[in-house]
Amino acid sequence: MAKIKRTANHLLGIGLDSKDTHKRITQGEGFNLVGGSAETHEKMTETVIKTVEDLGRRGRTITEAHPEEIAELLRKHNPES
């Protein structure tokens, strides 16, 4: 059976609830967040930053971690959960 080569992870967060014309973009290693109202963008940013911090304590980055680990941490840090 052939081995499947995994590529680096990258998170893309898209906020769709903006009612103003302000362009919100936040970029970091392994992630991009775009759009959303000020509140939504702030929540997305907070969630991803806490996830990045947790991964860092485990010695990994978004690009290196297993997708299931990233998903678990995103759920943990989602303010809506």
N, C-alpha and C. Protein backbone atom coordinates (compact mmCIF):
# COMPACT_ATOMS: atom_id res chain seq x y z
N MET A 1 0.84 -1.18 0.00
CA MET A 1 0.00 0.00 0.00
C MET A 1 0.88 1.24 0.00
N ALA A 2 0.56 2.20 -0.83
CA ALA A 2 1.35 3.43 -0.95
C ALA A 2 1.12 4.32 0.26
N LYS A 3 2.20 4.96 0.70
CA LYS A 3 2.08 5.91 1.79
C LYS A 3 1.53 7.23 1.25
N ILE A 4 0.67 7.85 2.04
CA ILE A 4 0.12 9.14 1.67
C ILE A 4 0.98 10.21 2.33
N LYS A 5 1.50 11.12 1.53
CA LYS A 5 2.31 12.20 2.06
C LYS A 5 1.39 13.32 2.54
N ARG A 6 1.56 13.67 3.81
CA ARG A 6 0.77 14.76 4.38
C ARG A 6 1.44 16.08 4.09
N THR A 7 0.66 17.07 3.69
CA THR A 7 1.19 18.41 3.49
C THR A 7 0.99 19.21 4.76
N ALA A 8 1.61 20.35 4.85
CA ALA A 8 1.51 21.21 6.03
C ALA A 8 0.07 21.72 6.18
N ASN A 9 -0.35 21.83 7.42
CA ASN A 9 -1.67 22.37 7.73
C ASN A 9 -1.67 23.89 7.59
N HIS A 10 -2.84 24.42 7.30
CA HIS A 10 -3.04 25.87 7.29
C HIS A 10 -4.51 26.12 7.63
N LEU A 11 -4.74 26.99 8.60
CA LEU A 11 -6.12 27.33 8.97
C LEU A 11 -6.55 28.59 8.23
N LEU A 12 -7.78 28.60 7.77
CA LEU A 12 -8.37 29.76 7.15
C LEU A 12 -9.71 30.02 7.83
N GLY A 13 -9.81 31.16 8.49
CA GLY A 13 -11.06 31.55 9.15
C GLY A 13 -11.70 32.67 8.37
N ILE A 14 -12.99 32.52 8.09
CA ILE A 14 -13.71 33.52 7.31
C ILE A 14 -14.95 33.95 8.09
N GLY A 15 -15.02 35.22 8.43
CA GLY A 15 -16.19 35.77 9.10
C GLY A 15 -17.13 36.37 8.05
N LEU A 16 -18.39 36.03 8.14
CA LEU A 16 -19.34 36.46 7.11
C LEU A 16 -20.40 37.43 7.62
N ASP A 17 -20.26 37.91 8.85
CA ASP A 17 -21.34 38.71 9.44
C ASP A 17 -21.07 40.21 9.48
N SER A 18 -20.08 40.70 8.75
CA SER A 18 -19.74 42.12 8.80
C SER A 18 -20.78 42.95 8.07
N LYS A 19 -21.20 44.04 8.72
CA LYS A 19 -22.16 44.95 8.09
C LYS A 19 -21.51 46.29 7.76
N ASP A 20 -20.22 46.41 8.08
CA ASP A 20 -19.51 47.64 7.75
C ASP A 20 -18.56 47.38 6.58
N THR A 21 -17.80 48.39 6.20
CA THR A 21 -16.89 48.24 5.07
C THR A 21 -15.44 48.01 5.53
N HIS A 22 -15.25 47.84 6.82
CA HIS A 22 -13.90 47.64 7.36
C HIS A 22 -13.36 46.28 6.93
N LYS A 23 -12.11 46.26 6.48
CA LYS A 23 -11.48 45.01 6.04
C LYS A 23 -10.61 44.49 7.19
N ARG A 24 -10.99 43.37 7.77
CA ARG A 24 -10.25 42.79 8.89
C ARG A 24 -9.47 41.58 8.41
N ILE A 25 -8.16 41.63 8.62
CA ILE A 25 -7.28 40.54 8.23
C ILE A 25 -6.27 40.32 9.35
N THR A 26 -6.14 39.08 9.79
CA THR A 26 -5.14 38.71 10.77
C THR A 26 -4.39 37.52 10.21
N GLN A 27 -3.05 37.62 10.20
CA GLN A 27 -2.23 36.55 9.66
C GLN A 27 -1.21 36.11 10.69
N GLY A 28 -0.87 34.85 10.66
CA GLY A 28 0.15 34.31 11.53
C GLY A 28 0.72 33.05 10.91
N GLU A 29 1.68 32.44 11.59
CA GLU A 29 2.28 31.22 11.07
C GLU A 29 1.24 30.11 11.04
N GLY A 30 0.85 29.72 9.86
CA GLY A 30 -0.09 28.62 9.70
C GLY A 30 -1.56 29.01 9.71
N PHE A 31 -1.86 30.32 9.74
CA PHE A 31 -3.27 30.71 9.72
C PHE A 31 -3.48 32.09 9.09
N ASN A 32 -4.69 32.27 8.54
CA ASN A 32 -5.18 33.54 8.03
C ASN A 32 -6.63 33.68 8.47
N LEU A 33 -6.99 34.84 9.00
CA LEU A 33 -8.36 35.12 9.38
C LEU A 33 -8.80 36.36 8.62
N VAL A 34 -9.96 36.29 7.98
CA VAL A 34 -10.44 37.42 7.19
C VAL A 34 -11.92 37.65 7.47
N GLY A 35 -12.28 38.94 7.41
CA GLY A 35 -13.68 39.32 7.48
C GLY A 35 -14.30 39.23 8.85
N GLY A 36 -15.60 39.34 8.86
CA GLY A 36 -16.37 39.29 10.08
C GLY A 36 -16.53 40.66 10.71
N SER A 37 -17.50 40.75 11.60
CA SER A 37 -17.67 41.97 12.39
C SER A 37 -16.48 42.07 13.33
N ALA A 38 -16.32 43.21 13.98
CA ALA A 38 -15.23 43.38 14.94
C ALA A 38 -15.29 42.29 16.01
N GLU A 39 -16.48 41.99 16.51
CA GLU A 39 -16.65 40.98 17.55
C GLU A 39 -16.30 39.58 17.04
N THR A 40 -16.79 39.23 15.88
CA THR A 40 -16.51 37.91 15.30
C THR A 40 -15.02 37.74 15.02
N HIS A 41 -14.41 38.75 14.44
CA HIS A 41 -12.99 38.65 14.11
C HIS A 41 -12.16 38.51 15.40
N GLU A 42 -12.53 39.24 16.42
CA GLU A 42 -11.83 39.15 17.70
C GLU A 42 -11.95 37.74 18.29
N LYS A 43 -13.14 37.15 18.21
CA LYS A 43 -13.35 35.78 18.71
C LYS A 43 -12.54 34.76 17.92
N MET A 44 -12.51 34.92 16.59
CA MET A 44 -11.71 34.01 15.76
C MET A 44 -10.24 34.12 16.14
N THR A 45 -9.76 35.36 16.28
CA THR A 45 -8.36 35.59 16.61
C THR A 45 -8.02 35.00 17.97
N GLU A 46 -8.85 35.25 18.96
CA GLU A 46 -8.62 34.71 20.31
C GLU A 46 -8.56 33.18 20.29
N THR A 47 -9.47 32.56 19.59
CA THR A 47 -9.52 31.11 19.51
C THR A 47 -8.25 30.54 18.88
N VAL A 48 -7.80 31.12 17.77
CA VAL A 48 -6.62 30.63 17.09
C VAL A 48 -5.36 30.90 17.91
N ILE A 49 -5.25 32.07 18.52
CA ILE A 49 -4.05 32.39 19.31
C ILE A 49 -3.93 31.43 20.50
N LYS A 50 -5.02 31.15 21.19
CA LYS A 50 -4.97 30.20 22.30
C LYS A 50 -4.59 28.80 21.81
N THR A 51 -5.07 28.43 20.64
CA THR A 51 -4.72 27.14 20.05
C THR A 51 -3.23 27.09 19.72
N VAL A 52 -2.71 28.16 19.14
CA VAL A 52 -1.28 28.24 18.81
C VAL A 52 -0.44 28.16 20.09
N GLU A 53 -0.88 28.82 21.14
CA GLU A 53 -0.15 28.79 22.42
C GLU A 53 -0.11 27.38 23.00
N ASP A 54 -1.26 26.69 22.97
CA ASP A 54 -1.31 25.31 23.47
C ASP A 54 -0.39 24.39 22.66
N LEU A 55 -0.44 24.54 21.35
CA LEU A 55 0.43 23.73 20.50
C LEU A 55 1.90 24.03 20.81
N GLY A 56 2.23 25.28 21.03
CA GLY A 56 3.59 25.67 21.36
C GLY A 56 4.08 25.02 22.64
N ARG A 57 3.20 24.93 23.63
CA ARG A 57 3.56 24.25 24.88
C ARG A 57 3.81 22.77 24.65
N ARG A 58 3.21 22.23 23.60
CA ARG A 58 3.40 20.81 23.25
C ARG A 58 4.56 20.63 22.27
N GLY A 59 5.21 21.73 21.91
CA GLY A 59 6.35 21.66 21.01
C GLY A 59 6.00 21.54 19.54
N ARG A 60 4.79 21.97 19.17
CA ARG A 60 4.35 21.88 17.78
C ARG A 60 3.76 23.21 17.30
N THR A 61 3.62 23.32 16.00
CA THR A 61 2.95 24.47 15.39
C THR A 61 1.73 23.96 14.63
N ILE A 62 0.94 24.88 14.13
CA ILE A 62 -0.22 24.49 13.32
C ILE A 62 0.22 23.66 12.13
N THR A 63 1.31 24.06 11.49
CA THR A 63 1.75 23.35 10.30
C THR A 63 2.22 21.94 10.58
N GLU A 64 2.65 21.66 11.82
CA GLU A 64 3.19 20.35 12.18
C GLU A 64 2.19 19.41 12.86
N ALA A 65 1.23 19.97 13.56
CA ALA A 65 0.32 19.17 14.38
C ALA A 65 -0.63 18.33 13.53
N HIS A 66 -1.14 17.28 14.12
CA HIS A 66 -2.13 16.44 13.45
C HIS A 66 -3.45 17.22 13.37
N PRO A 67 -4.16 17.16 12.26
CA PRO A 67 -5.42 17.90 12.13
C PRO A 67 -6.43 17.63 13.25
N GLU A 68 -6.49 16.40 13.74
CA GLU A 68 -7.43 16.10 14.83
C GLU A 68 -7.04 16.83 16.12
N GLU A 69 -5.74 16.97 16.36
CA GLU A 69 -5.28 17.70 17.54
C GLU A 69 -5.66 19.17 17.43
N ILE A 70 -5.49 19.73 16.24
CA ILE A 70 -5.85 21.13 16.02
C ILE A 70 -7.35 21.33 16.23
N ALA A 71 -8.15 20.44 15.65
CA ALA A 71 -9.61 20.53 15.79
C ALA A 71 -10.03 20.46 17.25
N GLU A 72 -9.41 19.56 18.01
CA GLU A 72 -9.72 19.42 19.44
C GLU A 72 -9.43 20.72 20.18
N LEU A 73 -8.28 21.32 19.90
CA LEU A 73 -7.92 22.56 20.58
C LEU A 73 -8.81 23.73 20.15
N LEU A 74 -9.18 23.79 18.88
CA LEU A 74 -10.08 24.85 18.43
C LEU A 74 -11.43 24.75 19.14
N ARG A 75 -11.94 23.53 19.28
CA ARG A 75 -13.20 23.35 20.01
C ARG A 75 -13.05 23.77 21.48
N LYS A 76 -11.93 23.43 22.07
CA LYS A 76 -11.66 23.77 23.48
C LYS A 76 -11.66 25.29 23.68
N HIS A 77 -11.09 26.02 22.73
CA HIS A 77 -10.91 27.46 22.89
C HIS A 77 -12.00 28.30 22.23
N ASN A 78 -12.96 27.68 21.59
CA ASN A 78 -14.03 28.42 20.93
C ASN A 78 -14.92 29.07 21.99
N PRO A 79 -15.00 30.40 22.00
CA PRO A 79 -15.81 31.08 23.01
C PRO A 79 -17.30 30.73 22.94
N GLU A 80 -17.75 30.19 21.82
CA GLU A 80 -19.17 29.85 21.65
C GLU A 80 -19.51 28.46 22.21
N SER A 81 -18.47 27.67 22.55
CA SER A 81 -18.72 26.30 23.03
C SER A 81 -19.26 26.28 24.43
